[in-house]
Amino acid sequence: MHLVVRRYRPSDKDAVLTLFSDGILEHINPSFYNAISNPVNVGVTLFLSVAGYMLGGGSTLWALLLAGSWVGLVYYCCSQLYASYVRERLRTDMQDIPGCYLSHPDNCFWVAETEVNGRVEILGMVAVVGRRDGEMCGELFRMIVSSKCRRTGLGYRMTQTVIDFCKERGFSKVVLETSSIQTSAVALYKKLGFSHILSHTKTYSPEWMTIISRVTILKMEKVI
């Protein structure tokens, strides 16, 4: 598969928004599996099963109802965690990519495209914004690689595109945030020399949802 990485064009908008939404929402199921297998959530599930069984006078149905309600709540929290992020981003910067990412020389937005059956298809994206944090640094945003071209080196290539851009701009480092669920992305960033510097749980969802979802946001940086 021949992939070309280039700057974003306004005509890319619909394809980019679809890829962005799909790429973020695909983390819901892995997030749920991680959350429901967390020892604390397993304990709550077992407790509610026993409580339902006892309160229902030995009824298996009550045990299943209480435990099932908890499992459903965990899934709801995981889905809302990512859905709320997508809604916020589609409402803000992703609605005006040229204005947010292409109107200043320290910012940029790239897409990766290929031709499939004579039709151009966008299969990846990444952006960077220059920020002053004592020294100038570049913050990597919106890294999405389509499931159609995973393990082709595209993620590595697009991250390196951001690193090279930041070097050309004279930035001192590249920073980014990703979630603990995105283990492949974390491994890629570490391979490229990024280090994990801190963790937090601030998201666009209520804090209690983040706690139940067991998702941690990782901040990483690479000194260049």
N, C-alpha and C. Protein backbone atom coordinates (compact mmCIF):
# COMPACT_ATOMS: atom_id res chain seq x y z
N MET A 1 0.85 -1.19 0.00
CA MET A 1 0.00 0.00 0.00
C MET A 1 0.88 1.25 0.00
N HIS A 2 0.70 2.08 -1.02
CA HIS A 2 1.49 3.31 -1.13
C HIS A 2 0.74 4.45 -0.45
N LEU A 3 1.30 4.96 0.63
CA LEU A 3 0.67 6.03 1.40
C LEU A 3 1.46 7.32 1.25
N VAL A 4 0.75 8.40 1.01
CA VAL A 4 1.36 9.72 0.88
C VAL A 4 0.93 10.58 2.07
N VAL A 5 1.89 11.15 2.77
CA VAL A 5 1.60 12.05 3.89
C VAL A 5 1.73 13.48 3.37
N ARG A 6 0.68 14.27 3.52
CA ARG A 6 0.67 15.65 3.02
C ARG A 6 -0.12 16.54 3.96
N ARG A 7 -0.03 17.84 3.74
CA ARG A 7 -0.80 18.80 4.53
C ARG A 7 -2.30 18.68 4.23
N TYR A 8 -3.07 18.98 5.23
CA TYR A 8 -4.53 18.95 5.13
C TYR A 8 -5.02 19.97 4.10
N ARG A 9 -6.08 19.58 3.38
CA ARG A 9 -6.78 20.48 2.46
C ARG A 9 -8.24 20.57 2.91
N PRO A 10 -8.89 21.71 2.68
CA PRO A 10 -10.30 21.85 3.07
C PRO A 10 -11.20 20.75 2.51
N SER A 11 -10.87 20.23 1.34
CA SER A 11 -11.69 19.17 0.74
C SER A 11 -11.60 17.85 1.50
N ASP A 12 -10.65 17.75 2.43
CA ASP A 12 -10.48 16.53 3.23
C ASP A 12 -11.44 16.47 4.42
N LYS A 13 -12.15 17.54 4.70
CA LYS A 13 -12.85 17.67 5.98
C LYS A 13 -13.77 16.51 6.31
N ASP A 14 -14.67 16.15 5.43
CA ASP A 14 -15.63 15.09 5.74
C ASP A 14 -14.93 13.77 6.05
N ALA A 15 -13.95 13.42 5.24
CA ALA A 15 -13.23 12.16 5.45
C ALA A 15 -12.45 12.19 6.76
N VAL A 16 -11.86 13.34 7.07
CA VAL A 16 -11.07 13.48 8.30
C VAL A 16 -11.97 13.39 9.53
N LEU A 17 -13.13 14.03 9.50
CA LEU A 17 -14.03 13.98 10.65
C LEU A 17 -14.55 12.57 10.89
N THR A 18 -14.84 11.85 9.80
CA THR A 18 -15.30 10.46 9.94
C THR A 18 -14.20 9.58 10.52
N LEU A 19 -12.99 9.73 10.00
CA LEU A 19 -11.86 8.94 10.49
C LEU A 19 -11.58 9.26 11.95
N PHE A 20 -11.66 10.53 12.31
CA PHE A 20 -11.42 10.93 13.69
C PHE A 20 -12.44 10.29 14.63
N SER A 21 -13.72 10.42 14.29
CA SER A 21 -14.78 9.86 15.14
C SER A 21 -14.64 8.35 15.28
N ASP A 22 -14.47 7.67 14.15
CA ASP A 22 -14.34 6.21 14.19
C ASP A 22 -13.10 5.78 14.98
N GLY A 23 -12.01 6.51 14.79
CA GLY A 23 -10.75 6.16 15.45
C GLY A 23 -10.81 6.30 16.95
N ILE A 24 -11.56 7.29 17.44
CA ILE A 24 -11.69 7.48 18.89
C ILE A 24 -12.70 6.50 19.48
N LEU A 25 -13.84 6.36 18.83
CA LEU A 25 -14.91 5.51 19.38
C LEU A 25 -14.54 4.03 19.39
N GLU A 26 -13.57 3.62 18.59
CA GLU A 26 -13.18 2.21 18.60
C GLU A 26 -12.49 1.81 19.90
N HIS A 27 -12.15 2.80 20.73
CA HIS A 27 -11.52 2.49 22.02
C HIS A 27 -12.54 2.13 23.10
N ILE A 28 -13.82 2.26 22.79
CA ILE A 28 -14.85 2.00 23.81
C ILE A 28 -14.80 0.55 24.29
N ASN A 29 -14.81 -0.40 23.36
CA ASN A 29 -14.83 -1.81 23.78
C ASN A 29 -13.57 -2.23 24.53
N PRO A 30 -12.35 -1.89 24.04
CA PRO A 30 -11.16 -2.22 24.84
C PRO A 30 -11.18 -1.58 26.22
N SER A 31 -11.71 -0.35 26.28
CA SER A 31 -11.80 0.34 27.57
C SER A 31 -12.75 -0.41 28.51
N PHE A 32 -13.87 -0.88 27.97
CA PHE A 32 -14.83 -1.62 28.78
C PHE A 32 -14.23 -2.93 29.29
N TYR A 33 -13.56 -3.68 28.41
CA TYR A 33 -12.96 -4.95 28.83
C TYR A 33 -11.91 -4.72 29.91
N ASN A 34 -11.15 -3.63 29.78
CA ASN A 34 -10.15 -3.31 30.79
C ASN A 34 -10.82 -2.93 32.11
N ALA A 35 -11.88 -2.13 32.03
CA ALA A 35 -12.56 -1.66 33.24
C ALA A 35 -13.25 -2.80 33.98
N ILE A 36 -13.97 -3.64 33.24
CA ILE A 36 -14.76 -4.67 33.91
C ILE A 36 -13.88 -5.77 34.50
N SER A 37 -12.63 -5.88 34.00
CA SER A 37 -11.71 -6.88 34.55
C SER A 37 -10.82 -6.30 35.65
N ASN A 38 -10.98 -5.01 35.93
CA ASN A 38 -10.23 -4.39 37.02
C ASN A 38 -10.65 -5.05 38.34
N PRO A 39 -9.71 -5.35 39.23
CA PRO A 39 -10.05 -6.05 40.48
C PRO A 39 -11.15 -5.36 41.29
N VAL A 40 -11.15 -4.03 41.33
CA VAL A 40 -12.19 -3.32 42.08
C VAL A 40 -13.56 -3.55 41.46
N ASN A 41 -13.63 -3.42 40.13
CA ASN A 41 -14.92 -3.62 39.46
C ASN A 41 -15.37 -5.08 39.50
N VAL A 42 -14.42 -6.00 39.46
CA VAL A 42 -14.77 -7.42 39.62
C VAL A 42 -15.37 -7.65 41.00
N GLY A 43 -14.76 -7.01 42.01
CA GLY A 43 -15.27 -7.14 43.37
C GLY A 43 -16.68 -6.59 43.51
N VAL A 44 -16.94 -5.44 42.88
CA VAL A 44 -18.28 -4.85 42.93
C VAL A 44 -19.29 -5.78 42.24
N THR A 45 -18.90 -6.34 41.10
CA THR A 45 -19.79 -7.25 40.37
C THR A 45 -20.15 -8.47 41.23
N LEU A 46 -19.15 -9.05 41.87
CA LEU A 46 -19.40 -10.22 42.72
C LEU A 46 -20.26 -9.86 43.93
N PHE A 47 -19.96 -8.70 44.53
CA PHE A 47 -20.74 -8.26 45.69
C PHE A 47 -22.21 -8.09 45.33
N LEU A 48 -22.46 -7.44 44.19
CA LEU A 48 -23.84 -7.21 43.77
C LEU A 48 -24.55 -8.52 43.41
N SER A 49 -23.79 -9.46 42.87
CA SER A 49 -24.38 -10.77 42.57
C SER A 49 -24.86 -11.46 43.84
N VAL A 50 -23.99 -11.45 44.85
CA VAL A 50 -24.34 -12.08 46.13
C VAL A 50 -25.48 -11.33 46.79
N ALA A 51 -25.40 -9.98 46.77
CA ALA A 51 -26.46 -9.17 47.40
C ALA A 51 -27.80 -9.42 46.72
N GLY A 52 -27.79 -9.47 45.40
CA GLY A 52 -29.03 -9.73 44.67
C GLY A 52 -29.60 -11.10 44.98
N TYR A 53 -28.71 -12.07 45.09
CA TYR A 53 -29.15 -13.44 45.39
C TYR A 53 -29.80 -13.51 46.77
N MET A 54 -29.18 -12.81 47.74
CA MET A 54 -29.70 -12.85 49.11
C MET A 54 -30.98 -12.03 49.24
N LEU A 55 -30.99 -10.83 48.66
CA LEU A 55 -32.18 -9.98 48.74
C LEU A 55 -33.36 -10.59 48.01
N GLY A 56 -33.07 -11.36 46.99
CA GLY A 56 -34.14 -11.99 46.22
C GLY A 56 -34.55 -13.34 46.77
N GLY A 57 -34.08 -13.64 47.97
CA GLY A 57 -34.47 -14.91 48.59
C GLY A 57 -33.93 -16.11 47.84
N GLY A 58 -32.68 -15.99 47.38
CA GLY A 58 -32.07 -17.09 46.66
C GLY A 58 -32.39 -17.07 45.17
N SER A 59 -32.80 -15.91 44.69
CA SER A 59 -33.18 -15.79 43.27
C SER A 59 -31.95 -15.50 42.40
N THR A 60 -31.70 -16.38 41.45
CA THR A 60 -30.62 -16.16 40.49
C THR A 60 -30.91 -14.95 39.61
N LEU A 61 -32.19 -14.73 39.33
CA LEU A 61 -32.60 -13.60 38.49
C LEU A 61 -32.19 -12.28 39.13
N TRP A 62 -32.43 -12.14 40.44
CA TRP A 62 -32.04 -10.91 41.12
C TRP A 62 -30.53 -10.73 41.11
N ALA A 63 -29.82 -11.82 41.27
CA ALA A 63 -28.35 -11.76 41.23
C ALA A 63 -27.88 -11.25 39.87
N LEU A 64 -28.49 -11.78 38.82
CA LEU A 64 -28.11 -11.36 37.47
C LEU A 64 -28.51 -9.92 37.18
N LEU A 65 -29.68 -9.51 37.70
CA LEU A 65 -30.16 -8.14 37.45
C LEU A 65 -29.24 -7.10 38.08
N LEU A 66 -28.87 -7.32 39.34
CA LEU A 66 -28.01 -6.35 40.01
C LEU A 66 -26.62 -6.32 39.39
N ALA A 67 -26.04 -7.49 39.16
CA ALA A 67 -24.70 -7.53 38.56
C ALA A 67 -24.74 -6.99 37.14
N GLY A 68 -25.79 -7.33 36.40
CA GLY A 68 -25.91 -6.86 35.02
C GLY A 68 -26.07 -5.35 34.94
N SER A 69 -26.79 -4.78 35.92
CA SER A 69 -26.96 -3.32 35.95
C SER A 69 -25.61 -2.63 36.15
N TRP A 70 -24.79 -3.21 37.01
CA TRP A 70 -23.45 -2.64 37.25
C TRP A 70 -22.59 -2.74 35.99
N VAL A 71 -22.62 -3.89 35.35
CA VAL A 71 -21.84 -4.08 34.12
C VAL A 71 -22.30 -3.08 33.06
N GLY A 72 -23.61 -2.88 32.97
CA GLY A 72 -24.15 -1.91 32.01
C GLY A 72 -23.69 -0.50 32.32
N LEU A 73 -23.62 -0.16 33.61
CA LEU A 73 -23.14 1.17 34.00
C LEU A 73 -21.68 1.36 33.63
N VAL A 74 -20.88 0.32 33.83
CA VAL A 74 -19.45 0.40 33.46
C VAL A 74 -19.31 0.65 31.96
N TYR A 75 -20.10 -0.08 31.16
CA TYR A 75 -20.03 0.13 29.71
C TYR A 75 -20.48 1.54 29.34
N TYR A 76 -21.53 2.01 29.98
CA TYR A 76 -22.03 3.36 29.69
C TYR A 76 -20.96 4.40 29.99
N CYS A 77 -20.27 4.25 31.11
CA CYS A 77 -19.22 5.20 31.48
C CYS A 77 -18.09 5.19 30.45
N CYS A 78 -17.70 4.00 30.02
CA CYS A 78 -16.63 3.89 29.02
C CYS A 78 -17.05 4.53 27.70
N SER A 79 -18.29 4.29 27.29
CA SER A 79 -18.75 4.84 26.02
C SER A 79 -18.86 6.36 26.09
N GLN A 80 -19.34 6.88 27.21
CA GLN A 80 -19.48 8.33 27.35
C GLN A 80 -18.13 9.02 27.44
N LEU A 81 -17.16 8.35 28.01
CA LEU A 81 -15.82 8.93 28.13
C LEU A 81 -15.28 9.32 26.76
N TYR A 82 -15.43 8.41 25.80
CA TYR A 82 -14.91 8.68 24.45
C TYR A 82 -15.89 9.48 23.60
N ALA A 83 -17.19 9.23 23.78
CA ALA A 83 -18.18 9.96 22.99
C ALA A 83 -18.17 11.45 23.35
N SER A 84 -18.00 11.77 24.62
CA SER A 84 -17.97 13.18 25.03
C SER A 84 -16.74 13.88 24.48
N TYR A 85 -15.64 13.14 24.39
CA TYR A 85 -14.42 13.71 23.80
C TYR A 85 -14.63 14.02 22.32
N VAL A 86 -15.25 13.09 21.61
CA VAL A 86 -15.52 13.30 20.19
C VAL A 86 -16.45 14.50 20.00
N ARG A 87 -17.51 14.57 20.79
CA ARG A 87 -18.45 15.70 20.66
C ARG A 87 -17.76 17.03 20.88
N GLU A 88 -16.90 17.10 21.89
CA GLU A 88 -16.22 18.36 22.19
C GLU A 88 -15.26 18.76 21.08
N ARG A 89 -14.53 17.79 20.56
CA ARG A 89 -13.56 18.10 19.52
C ARG A 89 -14.25 18.47 18.20
N LEU A 90 -15.35 17.80 17.87
CA LEU A 90 -16.08 18.14 16.65
C LEU A 90 -16.74 19.51 16.77
N ARG A 91 -17.00 19.93 17.99
CA ARG A 91 -17.61 21.24 18.22
C ARG A 91 -16.57 22.37 18.17
N THR A 92 -15.30 22.03 18.40
CA THR A 92 -14.27 23.06 18.52
C THR A 92 -13.25 22.97 17.38
N ASP A 93 -12.04 22.51 17.67
CA ASP A 93 -10.95 22.61 16.69
C ASP A 93 -11.18 21.84 15.40
N MET A 94 -11.86 20.68 15.47
CA MET A 94 -12.04 19.89 14.26
C MET A 94 -13.05 20.52 13.30
N GLN A 95 -13.81 21.50 13.77
CA GLN A 95 -14.72 22.22 12.89
C GLN A 95 -13.98 23.27 12.05
N ASP A 96 -12.81 23.67 12.52
CA ASP A 96 -12.05 24.70 11.81
C ASP A 96 -10.57 24.31 11.79
N ILE A 97 -10.27 23.25 11.08
CA ILE A 97 -8.89 22.77 11.02
C ILE A 97 -7.94 23.81 10.42
N PRO A 98 -8.30 24.47 9.31
CA PRO A 98 -7.39 25.50 8.77
C PRO A 98 -7.11 26.61 9.78
N GLY A 99 -8.15 27.06 10.48
CA GLY A 99 -7.97 28.15 11.44
C GLY A 99 -7.17 27.74 12.65
N CYS A 100 -7.35 26.51 13.11
CA CYS A 100 -6.68 26.05 14.33
C CYS A 100 -5.28 25.50 14.08
N TYR A 101 -5.06 24.92 12.90
CA TYR A 101 -3.80 24.20 12.69
C TYR A 101 -2.97 24.68 11.50
N LEU A 102 -3.54 25.51 10.63
CA LEU A 102 -2.79 25.90 9.44
C LEU A 102 -2.62 27.41 9.29
N SER A 103 -3.08 28.17 10.27
CA SER A 103 -3.01 29.63 10.16
C SER A 103 -1.77 30.21 10.84
N HIS A 104 -0.96 29.35 11.45
CA HIS A 104 0.26 29.82 12.14
C HIS A 104 1.41 28.91 11.75
N PRO A 105 2.59 29.47 11.50
CA PRO A 105 3.72 28.63 11.04
C PRO A 105 4.19 27.59 12.05
N ASP A 106 3.83 27.75 13.33
CA ASP A 106 4.24 26.77 14.34
C ASP A 106 3.26 25.62 14.48
N ASN A 107 2.18 25.65 13.69
CA ASN A 107 1.16 24.59 13.75
C ASN A 107 1.07 23.90 12.39
N CYS A 108 0.58 22.67 12.40
CA CYS A 108 0.36 21.99 11.12
C CYS A 108 -0.59 20.81 11.33
N PHE A 109 -1.19 20.36 10.24
CA PHE A 109 -2.10 19.21 10.25
C PHE A 109 -1.83 18.42 8.98
N TRP A 110 -1.55 17.13 9.14
CA TRP A 110 -1.24 16.26 8.00
C TRP A 110 -2.27 15.14 7.89
N VAL A 111 -2.44 14.66 6.68
CA VAL A 111 -3.23 13.45 6.45
C VAL A 111 -2.39 12.46 5.66
N ALA A 112 -2.73 11.19 5.78
CA ALA A 112 -2.09 10.14 4.98
C ALA A 112 -3.15 9.60 4.03
N GLU A 113 -2.84 9.57 2.75
CA GLU A 113 -3.82 9.12 1.78
C GLU A 113 -3.24 8.04 0.88
N THR A 114 -4.13 7.25 0.32
CA THR A 114 -3.75 6.25 -0.67
C THR A 114 -4.87 6.14 -1.69
N GLU A 115 -4.59 5.50 -2.79
CA GLU A 115 -5.61 5.33 -3.83
C GLU A 115 -6.13 3.90 -3.79
N VAL A 116 -7.44 3.76 -3.65
CA VAL A 116 -8.08 2.45 -3.60
C VAL A 116 -9.11 2.38 -4.71
N ASN A 117 -8.88 1.48 -5.68
CA ASN A 117 -9.79 1.33 -6.82
C ASN A 117 -10.07 2.66 -7.52
N GLY A 118 -9.00 3.43 -7.70
CA GLY A 118 -9.13 4.70 -8.40
C GLY A 118 -9.69 5.84 -7.57
N ARG A 119 -9.93 5.58 -6.28
CA ARG A 119 -10.49 6.62 -5.41
C ARG A 119 -9.53 6.89 -4.26
N VAL A 120 -9.28 8.17 -3.99
CA VAL A 120 -8.38 8.56 -2.91
C VAL A 120 -9.07 8.36 -1.57
N GLU A 121 -8.37 7.72 -0.64
CA GLU A 121 -8.93 7.45 0.68
C GLU A 121 -7.95 7.92 1.75
N ILE A 122 -8.45 8.64 2.74
CA ILE A 122 -7.62 9.13 3.84
C ILE A 122 -7.62 8.09 4.95
N LEU A 123 -6.41 7.65 5.34
CA LEU A 123 -6.27 6.56 6.30
C LEU A 123 -5.52 6.96 7.56
N GLY A 124 -5.11 8.21 7.65
CA GLY A 124 -4.40 8.64 8.84
C GLY A 124 -4.37 10.15 8.96
N MET A 125 -4.12 10.62 10.18
CA MET A 125 -4.02 12.06 10.41
C MET A 125 -3.19 12.31 11.65
N VAL A 126 -2.62 13.50 11.72
CA VAL A 126 -1.91 13.94 12.92
C VAL A 126 -1.74 15.45 12.84
N ALA A 127 -1.68 16.10 13.99
CA ALA A 127 -1.52 17.55 14.03
C ALA A 127 -0.50 17.93 15.09
N VAL A 128 -0.01 19.15 15.00
CA VAL A 128 0.91 19.68 16.00
C VAL A 128 0.60 21.16 16.21
N VAL A 129 0.75 21.59 17.46
CA VAL A 129 0.56 23.00 17.81
C VAL A 129 1.78 23.45 18.61
N GLY A 130 2.39 24.55 18.18
CA GLY A 130 3.52 25.09 18.91
C GLY A 130 3.06 25.83 20.16
N ARG A 131 3.69 25.54 21.29
CA ARG A 131 3.32 26.18 22.56
C ARG A 131 4.58 26.63 23.29
N ARG A 132 4.43 27.68 24.09
CA ARG A 132 5.55 28.12 24.92
C ARG A 132 5.34 27.61 26.33
N ASP A 133 6.25 26.75 26.76
CA ASP A 133 6.22 26.18 28.11
C ASP A 133 7.61 26.39 28.70
N GLY A 134 7.93 27.67 28.97
CA GLY A 134 9.30 28.03 29.30
C GLY A 134 10.07 28.16 28.00
N GLU A 135 10.24 27.02 27.31
CA GLU A 135 10.81 26.99 25.96
C GLU A 135 9.71 26.58 25.00
N MET A 136 9.93 26.84 23.72
CA MET A 136 8.93 26.44 22.72
C MET A 136 8.93 24.92 22.57
N CYS A 137 7.74 24.35 22.55
CA CYS A 137 7.61 22.92 22.32
C CYS A 137 6.44 22.69 21.37
N GLY A 138 6.41 21.52 20.78
CA GLY A 138 5.30 21.16 19.91
C GLY A 138 4.43 20.12 20.58
N GLU A 139 3.12 20.34 20.58
CA GLU A 139 2.21 19.36 21.18
C GLU A 139 1.51 18.58 20.08
N LEU A 140 1.68 17.28 20.10
CA LEU A 140 1.10 16.40 19.10
C LEU A 140 -0.37 16.14 19.44
N PHE A 141 -1.22 16.31 18.43
CA PHE A 141 -2.66 16.10 18.60
C PHE A 141 -3.20 15.20 17.49
N ARG A 142 -4.40 14.67 17.70
CA ARG A 142 -5.26 14.06 16.69
C ARG A 142 -4.59 12.94 15.89
N MET A 143 -3.75 12.16 16.56
CA MET A 143 -3.12 11.02 15.89
C MET A 143 -4.14 9.90 15.72
N ILE A 144 -4.49 9.63 14.48
CA ILE A 144 -5.43 8.55 14.16
C ILE A 144 -4.87 7.76 12.98
N VAL A 145 -4.84 6.45 13.10
CA VAL A 145 -4.47 5.57 11.99
C VAL A 145 -5.62 4.61 11.77
N SER A 146 -6.11 4.55 10.54
CA SER A 146 -7.24 3.67 10.22
C SER A 146 -6.88 2.21 10.49
N SER A 147 -7.88 1.44 10.90
CA SER A 147 -7.67 0.01 11.13
C SER A 147 -7.27 -0.72 9.86
N LYS A 148 -7.50 -0.09 8.70
CA LYS A 148 -7.16 -0.71 7.42
C LYS A 148 -5.66 -0.79 7.19
N CYS A 149 -4.90 0.04 7.90
CA CYS A 149 -3.45 0.05 7.63
C CYS A 149 -2.63 0.04 8.91
N ARG A 150 -3.13 -0.68 9.92
CA ARG A 150 -2.34 -0.86 11.13
C ARG A 150 -1.16 -1.78 10.83
N ARG A 151 -0.09 -1.59 11.58
CA ARG A 151 1.13 -2.40 11.45
C ARG A 151 1.79 -2.24 10.07
N THR A 152 1.60 -1.08 9.47
CA THR A 152 2.28 -0.78 8.21
C THR A 152 3.38 0.25 8.40
N GLY A 153 3.54 0.72 9.64
CA GLY A 153 4.53 1.75 9.92
C GLY A 153 4.00 3.16 9.76
N LEU A 154 2.69 3.30 9.48
CA LEU A 154 2.14 4.63 9.25
C LEU A 154 2.16 5.47 10.53
N GLY A 155 1.83 4.86 11.67
CA GLY A 155 1.87 5.60 12.92
C GLY A 155 3.26 6.13 13.22
N TYR A 156 4.26 5.28 12.99
CA TYR A 156 5.66 5.69 13.18
C TYR A 156 6.00 6.85 12.25
N ARG A 157 5.59 6.71 11.01
CA ARG A 157 5.90 7.73 10.00
C ARG A 157 5.26 9.08 10.32
N MET A 158 4.01 9.05 10.78
CA MET A 158 3.32 10.30 11.06
C MET A 158 3.86 10.96 12.33
N THR A 159 4.20 10.14 13.32
CA THR A 159 4.81 10.71 14.53
C THR A 159 6.16 11.33 14.19
N GLN A 160 6.93 10.66 13.34
CA GLN A 160 8.23 11.19 12.94
C GLN A 160 8.06 12.48 12.14
N THR A 161 6.97 12.59 11.38
CA THR A 161 6.69 13.83 10.65
C THR A 161 6.55 15.00 11.62
N VAL A 162 5.85 14.75 12.74
CA VAL A 162 5.69 15.79 13.76
C VAL A 162 7.05 16.13 14.39
N ILE A 163 7.83 15.11 14.72
CA ILE A 163 9.14 15.33 15.33
C ILE A 163 10.03 16.16 14.40
N ASP A 164 10.06 15.80 13.13
CA ASP A 164 10.89 16.52 12.16
C ASP A 164 10.43 17.98 12.03
N PHE A 165 9.12 18.19 12.01
CA PHE A 165 8.58 19.55 11.93
C PHE A 165 9.02 20.38 13.14
N CYS A 166 8.95 19.77 14.32
CA CYS A 166 9.33 20.48 15.54
C CYS A 166 10.83 20.81 15.55
N LYS A 167 11.64 19.91 15.03
CA LYS A 167 13.07 20.19 14.93
C LYS A 167 13.32 21.36 13.99
N GLU A 168 12.63 21.37 12.86
CA GLU A 168 12.79 22.46 11.89
C GLU A 168 12.37 23.81 12.47
N ARG A 169 11.36 23.79 13.36
CA ARG A 169 10.88 25.02 13.97
C ARG A 169 11.75 25.44 15.16
N GLY A 170 12.72 24.60 15.53
CA GLY A 170 13.60 24.93 16.64
C GLY A 170 13.00 24.69 18.01
N PHE A 171 11.98 23.82 18.09
CA PHE A 171 11.37 23.52 19.38
C PHE A 171 12.32 22.66 20.21
N SER A 172 12.16 22.74 21.53
CA SER A 172 13.04 21.98 22.43
C SER A 172 12.54 20.56 22.69
N LYS A 173 11.22 20.35 22.53
CA LYS A 173 10.67 19.03 22.80
C LYS A 173 9.31 18.87 22.13
N VAL A 174 8.85 17.62 22.10
CA VAL A 174 7.51 17.29 21.62
C VAL A 174 6.76 16.66 22.79
N VAL A 175 5.54 17.11 23.04
CA VAL A 175 4.73 16.55 24.12
C VAL A 175 3.42 16.03 23.54
N LEU A 176 2.79 15.12 24.26
CA LEU A 176 1.51 14.57 23.81
C LEU A 176 0.80 13.95 25.00
N GLU A 177 -0.49 13.69 24.81
CA GLU A 177 -1.27 12.94 25.78
C GLU A 177 -1.98 11.81 25.07
N THR A 178 -2.05 10.67 25.73
CA THR A 178 -2.78 9.52 25.21
C THR A 178 -3.39 8.79 26.40
N SER A 179 -4.26 7.84 26.14
CA SER A 179 -4.90 7.13 27.25
C SER A 179 -4.19 5.82 27.53
N SER A 180 -4.33 5.36 28.76
CA SER A 180 -3.69 4.11 29.17
C SER A 180 -4.21 2.91 28.38
N ILE A 181 -5.41 3.05 27.80
CA ILE A 181 -6.01 1.96 27.03
C ILE A 181 -5.27 1.76 25.70
N GLN A 182 -4.68 2.82 25.17
CA GLN A 182 -4.05 2.78 23.85
C GLN A 182 -2.62 2.25 23.97
N THR A 183 -2.53 0.98 24.30
CA THR A 183 -1.22 0.38 24.59
C THR A 183 -0.30 0.36 23.36
N SER A 184 -0.88 0.17 22.18
CA SER A 184 -0.05 0.16 20.97
C SER A 184 0.55 1.54 20.71
N ALA A 185 -0.26 2.58 20.94
CA ALA A 185 0.23 3.94 20.75
C ALA A 185 1.33 4.26 21.76
N VAL A 186 1.12 3.85 23.01
CA VAL A 186 2.13 4.10 24.05
C VAL A 186 3.44 3.41 23.68
N ALA A 187 3.35 2.17 23.20
CA ALA A 187 4.55 1.42 22.80
C ALA A 187 5.26 2.12 21.64
N LEU A 188 4.49 2.63 20.68
CA LEU A 188 5.07 3.35 19.54
C LEU A 188 5.81 4.60 20.01
N TYR A 189 5.17 5.37 20.87
CA TYR A 189 5.80 6.61 21.34
C TYR A 189 7.09 6.31 22.11
N LYS A 190 7.07 5.26 22.92
CA LYS A 190 8.28 4.90 23.65
C LYS A 190 9.39 4.47 22.69
N LYS A 191 9.01 3.77 21.64
CA LYS A 191 9.98 3.34 20.63
C LYS A 191 10.65 4.54 19.97
N LEU A 192 9.89 5.63 19.84
CA LEU A 192 10.40 6.85 19.21
C LEU A 192 11.10 7.77 20.21
N GLY A 193 11.24 7.32 21.45
CA GLY A 193 12.02 8.09 22.42
C GLY A 193 11.21 8.94 23.38
N PHE A 194 9.89 8.79 23.39
CA PHE A 194 9.07 9.54 24.34
C PHE A 194 9.12 8.88 25.71
N SER A 195 9.06 9.72 26.75
CA SER A 195 9.04 9.23 28.12
C SER A 195 7.73 9.63 28.80
N HIS A 196 7.23 8.77 29.66
CA HIS A 196 6.02 9.06 30.43
C HIS A 196 6.41 9.97 31.59
N ILE A 197 5.82 11.18 31.64
CA ILE A 197 6.23 12.14 32.67
C ILE A 197 5.18 12.35 33.76
N LEU A 198 3.90 12.14 33.45
CA LEU A 198 2.88 12.24 34.50
C LEU A 198 1.57 11.62 34.01
N SER A 199 0.68 11.37 34.97
CA SER A 199 -0.64 10.80 34.67
C SER A 199 -1.71 11.65 35.33
N HIS A 200 -2.91 11.67 34.74
CA HIS A 200 -4.04 12.36 35.36
C HIS A 200 -5.34 11.72 34.87
N THR A 201 -6.45 12.16 35.43
CA THR A 201 -7.75 11.58 35.07
C THR A 201 -8.74 12.66 34.63
N LYS A 202 -8.23 13.79 34.16
CA LYS A 202 -9.11 14.86 33.69
C LYS A 202 -9.59 14.55 32.28
N THR A 203 -10.91 14.43 32.12
CA THR A 203 -11.50 14.16 30.81
C THR A 203 -12.70 15.08 30.63
N TYR A 204 -13.43 14.89 29.53
CA TYR A 204 -14.63 15.70 29.28
C TYR A 204 -15.87 15.07 29.92
N SER A 205 -15.69 13.99 30.66
CA SER A 205 -16.79 13.34 31.36
C SER A 205 -16.71 13.66 32.85
N PRO A 206 -17.81 13.48 33.59
CA PRO A 206 -17.76 13.66 35.05
C PRO A 206 -16.70 12.75 35.66
N GLU A 207 -16.11 13.21 36.76
CA GLU A 207 -15.01 12.47 37.37
C GLU A 207 -15.41 11.05 37.76
N TRP A 208 -16.66 10.87 38.23
CA TRP A 208 -17.08 9.54 38.66
C TRP A 208 -17.10 8.55 37.50
N MET A 209 -17.39 9.05 36.29
CA MET A 209 -17.36 8.18 35.12
C MET A 209 -15.93 7.74 34.80
N THR A 210 -15.01 8.68 34.92
CA THR A 210 -13.61 8.36 34.66
C THR A 210 -13.09 7.33 35.66
N ILE A 211 -13.51 7.48 36.92
CA ILE A 211 -13.08 6.53 37.96
C ILE A 211 -13.61 5.13 37.65
N ILE A 212 -14.88 5.03 37.31
CA ILE A 212 -15.47 3.72 37.00
C ILE A 212 -14.83 3.12 35.75
N SER A 213 -14.51 3.98 34.77
CA SER A 213 -13.91 3.51 33.51
C SER A 213 -12.48 3.03 33.68
N ARG A 214 -11.83 3.45 34.77
CA ARG A 214 -10.45 3.05 35.04
C ARG A 214 -9.49 3.48 33.92
N VAL A 215 -9.77 4.65 33.33
CA VAL A 215 -8.90 5.18 32.28
C VAL A 215 -8.01 6.27 32.86
N THR A 216 -6.74 6.19 32.54
CA THR A 216 -5.78 7.20 32.96
C THR A 216 -5.21 7.88 31.73
N ILE A 217 -5.05 9.19 31.80
CA ILE A 217 -4.44 9.95 30.71
C ILE A 217 -2.94 10.06 30.99
N LEU A 218 -2.15 9.66 30.01
CA LEU A 218 -0.69 9.69 30.15
C LEU A 218 -0.12 10.87 29.38
N LYS A 219 0.71 11.66 30.03
CA LYS A 219 1.42 12.73 29.34
C LYS A 219 2.84 12.24 29.07
N MET A 220 3.28 12.40 27.82
CA MET A 220 4.60 11.93 27.41
C MET A 220 5.35 13.06 26.71
N GLU A 221 6.67 12.98 26.73
CA GLU A 221 7.46 14.00 26.03
C GLU A 221 8.74 13.40 25.47
N LYS A 222 9.23 14.06 24.45
CA LYS A 222 10.51 13.68 23.84
C LYS A 222 11.33 14.95 23.67
N VAL A 223 12.50 14.97 24.28
CA VAL A 223 13.41 16.11 24.12
C VAL A 223 14.12 15.97 22.79
N ILE A 224 14.11 17.06 22.01
CA ILE A 224 14.74 17.00 20.69
C ILE A 224 15.85 18.04 20.56
